[in-house]
Amino acid sequence: MSRQVNSSELVQEIHQVLLERDATCHRTCFSLQLNGVSLDHFTELRNIAGLTDGSVLKVVEG
């Protein structure tokens, strides 16, 4: 899945979008990671070191 985001969005907002999509709603316990590092839900995207245009966030179950 690909989605454009605004730099002022919180990681939690992306998490919520995934919970609401049919393709991913069955996953209820997961984290979002960038380069193997779990992202804090209350961090604004613009404050994440290493996050640039074209970065890929991974959904990691567990």
PDB file of N, CA and C in Angstrom:
ATOM      1  N   MET A   1       0.842  -1.165   0.000  1.00  0.00           N
ATOM      2  CA  MET A   1       0.000   0.000   0.000  1.00  0.00           C
ATOM      3  C   MET A   1       0.891   1.234   0.000  1.00  0.00           C
ATOM      4  N   SER A   2       0.505   2.205  -0.744  1.00  0.00           N
ATOM      5  CA  SER A   2       1.250   3.457  -0.824  1.00  0.00           C
ATOM      6  C   SER A   2       0.324   4.594  -0.404  1.00  0.00           C
ATOM      7  N   ARG A   3       0.868   5.533   0.345  1.00  0.00           N
ATOM      8  CA  ARG A   3       0.058   6.656   0.814  1.00  0.00           C
ATOM      9  C   ARG A   3       0.941   7.875   1.000  1.00  0.00           C
ATOM     10  N   GLN A   4       0.495   9.007   0.477  1.00  0.00           N
ATOM     11  CA  GLN A   4       1.200  10.257   0.725  1.00  0.00           C
ATOM     12  C   GLN A   4       0.762  10.779   2.078  1.00  0.00           C
ATOM     13  N   VAL A   5       1.705  11.364   2.797  1.00  0.00           N
ATOM     14  CA  VAL A   5       1.405  11.896   4.120  1.00  0.00           C
ATOM     15  C   VAL A   5       1.915  13.322   4.239  1.00  0.00           C
ATOM     16  N   ASN A   6       1.374  14.006   5.216  1.00  0.00           N
ATOM     17  CA  ASN A   6       1.789  15.363   5.527  1.00  0.00           C
ATOM     18  C   ASN A   6       2.813  15.284   6.656  1.00  0.00           C
ATOM     19  N   SER A   7       3.822  16.122   6.618  1.00  0.00           N
ATOM     20  CA  SER A   7       4.883  16.055   7.624  1.00  0.00           C
ATOM     21  C   SER A   7       4.396  16.367   9.033  1.00  0.00           C
ATOM     22  N   SER A   8       3.229  16.997   9.165  1.00  0.00           N
ATOM     23  CA  SER A   8       2.713  17.312  10.502  1.00  0.00           C
ATOM     24  C   SER A   8       1.865  16.176  11.081  1.00  0.00           C
ATOM     25  N   GLU A   9       1.648  15.115  10.312  1.00  0.00           N
ATOM     26  CA  GLU A   9       0.870  13.971  10.808  1.00  0.00           C
ATOM     27  C   GLU A   9       1.653  13.227  11.881  1.00  0.00           C
ATOM     28  N   LEU A  10       0.909  12.608  12.772  1.00  0.00           N
ATOM     29  CA  LEU A  10       1.502  11.755  13.794  1.00  0.00           C
ATOM     30  C   LEU A  10       1.576  10.323  13.271  1.00  0.00           C
ATOM     31  N   VAL A  11       2.527   9.567  13.774  1.00  0.00           N
ATOM     32  CA  VAL A  11       2.631   8.149  13.431  1.00  0.00           C
ATOM     33  C   VAL A  11       1.303   7.458  13.751  1.00  0.00           C
ATOM     34  N   GLN A  12       0.658   7.859  14.830  1.00  0.00           N
ATOM     35  CA  GLN A  12      -0.619   7.274  15.248  1.00  0.00           C
ATOM     36  C   GLN A  12      -1.688   7.411  14.158  1.00  0.00           C
ATOM     37  N   GLU A  13      -1.666   8.495  13.401  1.00  0.00           N
ATOM     38  CA  GLU A  13      -2.656   8.691  12.341  1.00  0.00           C
ATOM     39  C   GLU A  13      -2.483   7.662  11.228  1.00  0.00           C
ATOM     40  N   ILE A  14      -1.259   7.324  10.899  1.00  0.00           N
ATOM     41  CA  ILE A  14      -1.003   6.290   9.890  1.00  0.00           C
ATOM     42  C   ILE A  14      -1.459   4.937  10.435  1.00  0.00           C
ATOM     43  N   HIS A  15      -1.163   4.689  11.689  1.00  0.00           N
ATOM     44  CA  HIS A  15      -1.590   3.456  12.358  1.00  0.00           C
ATOM     45  C   HIS A  15      -3.107   3.312  12.265  1.00  0.00           C
ATOM     46  N   GLN A  16      -3.833   4.388  12.519  1.00  0.00           N
ATOM     47  CA  GLN A  16      -5.295   4.369  12.477  1.00  0.00           C
ATOM     48  C   GLN A  16      -5.814   4.094  11.066  1.00  0.00           C
ATOM     49  N   VAL A  17      -5.190   4.691  10.066  1.00  0.00           N
ATOM     50  CA  VAL A  17      -5.590   4.456   8.669  1.00  0.00           C
ATOM     51  C   VAL A  17      -5.470   2.971   8.341  1.00  0.00           C
ATOM     52  N   LEU A  18      -4.397   2.342   8.788  1.00  0.00           N
ATOM     53  CA  LEU A  18      -4.205   0.917   8.525  1.00  0.00           C
ATOM     54  C   LEU A  18      -5.269   0.071   9.219  1.00  0.00           C
ATOM     55  N   LEU A  19      -5.678   0.477  10.409  1.00  0.00           N
ATOM     56  CA  LEU A  19      -6.730  -0.257  11.125  1.00  0.00           C
ATOM     57  C   LEU A  19      -8.074  -0.162  10.416  1.00  0.00           C
ATOM     58  N   GLU A  20      -8.280   0.896   9.651  1.00  0.00           N
ATOM     59  CA  GLU A  20      -9.563   1.118   8.986  1.00  0.00           C
ATOM     60  C   GLU A  20      -9.635   0.565   7.565  1.00  0.00           C
ATOM     61  N   ARG A  21      -8.523   0.171   6.980  1.00  0.00           N
ATOM     62  CA  ARG A  21      -8.508  -0.355   5.612  1.00  0.00           C
ATOM     63  C   ARG A  21      -8.835  -1.837   5.607  1.00  0.00           C
ATOM     64  N   ASP A  22      -9.644  -2.247   4.634  1.00  0.00           N
ATOM     65  CA  ASP A  22     -10.034  -3.654   4.525  1.00  0.00           C
ATOM     66  C   ASP A  22      -8.835  -4.585   4.414  1.00  0.00           C
ATOM     67  N   ALA A  23      -7.823  -4.176   3.684  1.00  0.00           N
ATOM     68  CA  ALA A  23      -6.665  -5.041   3.437  1.00  0.00           C
ATOM     69  C   ALA A  23      -5.798  -5.246   4.676  1.00  0.00           C
ATOM     70  N   THR A  24      -5.901  -4.356   5.650  1.00  0.00           N
ATOM     71  CA  THR A  24      -5.026  -4.450   6.818  1.00  0.00           C
ATOM     72  C   THR A  24      -5.761  -4.451   8.154  1.00  0.00           C
ATOM     73  N   CYS A  25      -7.082  -4.372   8.147  1.00  0.00           N
ATOM     74  CA  CYS A  25      -7.837  -4.250   9.405  1.00  0.00           C
ATOM     75  C   CYS A  25      -7.712  -5.482  10.298  1.00  0.00           C
ATOM     76  N   HIS A  26      -7.336  -6.637   9.743  1.00  0.00           N
ATOM     77  CA  HIS A  26      -7.182  -7.851  10.549  1.00  0.00           C
ATOM     78  C   HIS A  26      -5.940  -7.796  11.433  1.00  0.00           C
ATOM     79  N   ARG A  27      -5.048  -6.869  11.134  1.00  0.00           N
ATOM     80  CA  ARG A  27      -3.845  -6.693  11.952  1.00  0.00           C
ATOM     81  C   ARG A  27      -4.158  -5.667  13.040  1.00  0.00           C
ATOM     82  N   THR A  28      -4.172  -6.110  14.273  1.00  0.00           N
ATOM     83  CA  THR A  28      -4.517  -5.189  15.357  1.00  0.00           C
ATOM     84  C   THR A  28      -3.342  -4.909  16.282  1.00  0.00           C
ATOM     85  N   CYS A  29      -2.333  -5.739  16.236  1.00  0.00           N
ATOM     86  CA  CYS A  29      -1.162  -5.556  17.088  1.00  0.00           C
ATOM     87  C   CYS A  29       0.065  -5.444  16.191  1.00  0.00           C
ATOM     88  N   PHE A  30       0.438  -4.215  15.882  1.00  0.00           N
ATOM     89  CA  PHE A  30       1.586  -4.003  15.002  1.00  0.00           C
ATOM     90  C   PHE A  30       2.247  -2.673  15.316  1.00  0.00           C
ATOM     91  N   SER A  31       3.465  -2.548  14.839  1.00  0.00           N
ATOM     92  CA  SER A  31       4.172  -1.278  14.957  1.00  0.00           C
ATOM     93  C   SER A  31       4.610  -0.851  13.565  1.00  0.00           C
ATOM     94  N   LEU A  32       4.895   0.417  13.437  1.00  0.00           N
ATOM     95  CA  LEU A  32       5.452   0.947  12.199  1.00  0.00           C
ATOM     96  C   LEU A  32       6.935   1.172  12.428  1.00  0.00           C
ATOM     97  N   GLN A  33       7.742   0.738  11.458  1.00  0.00           N
ATOM     98  CA  GLN A  33       9.187   0.861  11.598  1.00  0.00           C
ATOM     99  C   GLN A  33       9.795   1.551  10.391  1.00  0.00           C
ATOM    100  N   LEU A  34      10.866   2.267  10.655  1.00  0.00           N
ATOM    101  CA  LEU A  34      11.689   2.872   9.611  1.00  0.00           C
ATOM    102  C   LEU A  34      13.108   2.393   9.839  1.00  0.00           C
ATOM    103  N   ASN A  35      13.667   1.720   8.849  1.00  0.00           N
ATOM    104  CA  ASN A  35      15.032   1.191   8.942  1.00  0.00           C
ATOM    105  C   ASN A  35      15.233   0.326  10.187  1.00  0.00           C
ATOM    106  N   GLY A  36      14.218  -0.486  10.512  1.00  0.00           N
ATOM    107  CA  GLY A  36      14.325  -1.413  11.634  1.00  0.00           C
ATOM    108  C   GLY A  36      14.066  -0.811  13.003  1.00  0.00           C
ATOM    109  N   VAL A  37      13.710   0.462  13.058  1.00  0.00           N
ATOM    110  CA  VAL A  37      13.459   1.137  14.335  1.00  0.00           C
ATOM    111  C   VAL A  37      11.965   1.412  14.471  1.00  0.00           C
ATOM    112  N   SER A  38      11.364   0.948  15.573  1.00  0.00           N
ATOM    113  CA  SER A  38       9.942   1.199  15.820  1.00  0.00           C
ATOM    114  C   SER A  38       9.712   2.679  16.075  1.00  0.00           C
ATOM    115  N   LEU A  39       8.611   3.187  15.515  1.00  0.00           N
ATOM    116  CA  LEU A  39       8.289   4.604  15.644  1.00  0.00           C
ATOM    117  C   LEU A  39       7.285   4.823  16.764  1.00  0.00           C
ATOM    118  N   ASP A  40       7.501   5.858  17.550  1.00  0.00           N
ATOM    119  CA  ASP A  40       6.596   6.230  18.630  1.00  0.00           C
ATOM    120  C   ASP A  40       5.315   6.796  18.041  1.00  0.00           C
ATOM    121  N   HIS A  41       4.176   6.388  18.562  1.00  0.00           N
ATOM    122  CA  HIS A  41       2.871   6.796  18.029  1.00  0.00           C
ATOM    123  C   HIS A  41       2.631   8.297  18.077  1.00  0.00           C
ATOM    124  N   PHE A  42       3.256   8.982  19.012  1.00  0.00           N
ATOM    125  CA  PHE A  42       2.958  10.396  19.211  1.00  0.00           C
ATOM    126  C   PHE A  42       4.001  11.324  18.601  1.00  0.00           C
ATOM    127  N   THR A  43       4.835  10.788  17.719  1.00  0.00           N
ATOM    128  CA  THR A  43       5.855  11.580  17.044  1.00  0.00           C
ATOM    129  C   THR A  43       5.318  12.110  15.726  1.00  0.00           C
ATOM    130  N   GLU A  44       5.551  13.396  15.474  1.00  0.00           N
ATOM    131  CA  GLU A  44       5.204  13.958  14.169  1.00  0.00           C
ATOM    132  C   GLU A  44       6.209  13.438  13.155  1.00  0.00           C
ATOM    133  N   LEU A  45       5.729  13.169  11.951  1.00  0.00           N
ATOM    134  CA  LEU A  45       6.596  12.603  10.919  1.00  0.00           C
ATOM    135  C   LEU A  45       7.810  13.482  10.658  1.00  0.00           C
ATOM    136  N   ARG A  46       7.648  14.803  10.699  1.00  0.00           N
ATOM    137  CA  ARG A  46       8.768  15.704  10.412  1.00  0.00           C
ATOM    138  C   ARG A  46       9.891  15.598  11.443  1.00  0.00           C
ATOM    139  N   ASN A  47       9.612  15.001  12.594  1.00  0.00           N
ATOM    140  CA  ASN A  47      10.618  14.873  13.651  1.00  0.00           C
ATOM    141  C   ASN A  47      11.332  13.526  13.651  1.00  0.00           C
ATOM    142  N   ILE A  48      11.079  12.706  12.647  1.00  0.00           N
ATOM    143  CA  ILE A  48      11.710  11.387  12.574  1.00  0.00           C
ATOM    144  C   ILE A  48      12.985  11.488  11.738  1.00  0.00           C
ATOM    145  N   ALA A  49      14.103  11.248  12.398  1.00  0.00           N
ATOM    146  CA  ALA A  49      15.399  11.305  11.718  1.00  0.00           C
ATOM    147  C   ALA A  49      15.459  10.236  10.636  1.00  0.00           C
ATOM    148  N   GLY A  50      15.899  10.620   9.459  1.00  0.00           N
ATOM    149  CA  GLY A  50      16.057   9.677   8.356  1.00  0.00           C
ATOM    150  C   GLY A  50      14.833   9.507   7.483  1.00  0.00           C
ATOM    151  N   LEU A  51      13.712  10.100   7.868  1.00  0.00           N
ATOM    152  CA  LEU A  51      12.491  10.002   7.063  1.00  0.00           C
ATOM    153  C   LEU A  51      12.532  11.071   5.981  1.00  0.00           C
ATOM    154  N   THR A  52      12.542  10.632   4.731  1.00  0.00           N
ATOM    155  CA  THR A  52      12.619  11.545   3.591  1.00  0.00           C
ATOM    156  C   THR A  52      11.570  11.155   2.558  1.00  0.00           C
ATOM    157  N   ASP A  53      11.422  11.973   1.526  1.00  0.00           N
ATOM    158  CA  ASP A  53      10.521  11.618   0.428  1.00  0.00           C
ATOM    159  C   ASP A  53      10.912  10.249  -0.106  1.00  0.00           C
ATOM    160  N   GLY A  54       9.936   9.391  -0.252  1.00  0.00           N
ATOM    161  CA  GLY A  54      10.186   8.055  -0.777  1.00  0.00           C
ATOM    162  C   GLY A  54      10.538   7.020   0.276  1.00  0.00           C
ATOM    163  N   SER A  55      10.620   7.425   1.538  1.00  0.00           N
ATOM    164  CA  SER A  55      10.904   6.459   2.603  1.00  0.00           C
ATOM    165  C   SER A  55       9.765   5.450   2.699  1.00  0.00           C
ATOM    166  N   VAL A  56      10.100   4.260   3.140  1.00  0.00           N
ATOM    167  CA  VAL A  56       9.113   3.193   3.290  1.00  0.00           C
ATOM    168  C   VAL A  56       9.015   2.826   4.765  1.00  0.00           C
ATOM    169  N   LEU A  57       7.793   2.905   5.281  1.00  0.00           N
ATOM    170  CA  LEU A  57       7.535   2.447   6.645  1.00  0.00           C
ATOM    171  C   LEU A  57       7.050   1.009   6.563  1.00  0.00           C
ATOM    172  N   LYS A  58       7.574   0.158   7.421  1.00  0.00           N
ATOM    173  CA  LYS A  58       7.175  -1.247   7.428  1.00  0.00           C
ATOM    174  C   LYS A  58       6.222  -1.514   8.578  1.00  0.00           C
ATOM    175  N   VAL A  59       5.224  -2.347   8.293  1.00  0.00           N
ATOM    176  CA  VAL A  59       4.292  -2.809   9.311  1.00  0.00           C
ATOM    177  C   VAL A  59       4.865  -4.105   9.873  1.00  0.00           C
ATOM    178  N   VAL A  60       5.129  -4.104  11.181  1.00  0.00           N
ATOM    179  CA  VAL A  60       5.703  -5.277  11.831  1.00  0.00           C
ATOM    180  C   VAL A  60       4.720  -5.763  12.889  1.00  0.00           C
ATOM    181  N   GLU A  61       4.241  -6.993  12.706  1.00  0.00           N
ATOM    182  CA  GLU A  61       3.266  -7.551  13.641  1.00  0.00           C
ATOM    183  C   GLU A  61       3.950  -7.979  14.932  1.00  0.00           C
ATOM    184  N   GLY A  62       3.161  -7.869  15.998  1.00  0.00           N
ATOM    185  CA  GLY A  62       3.681  -8.354  17.269  1.00  0.00           C
ATOM    186  C   GLY A  62       3.706  -7.361  18.356  1.00  0.00           C
TER     187      GLY A  62
END
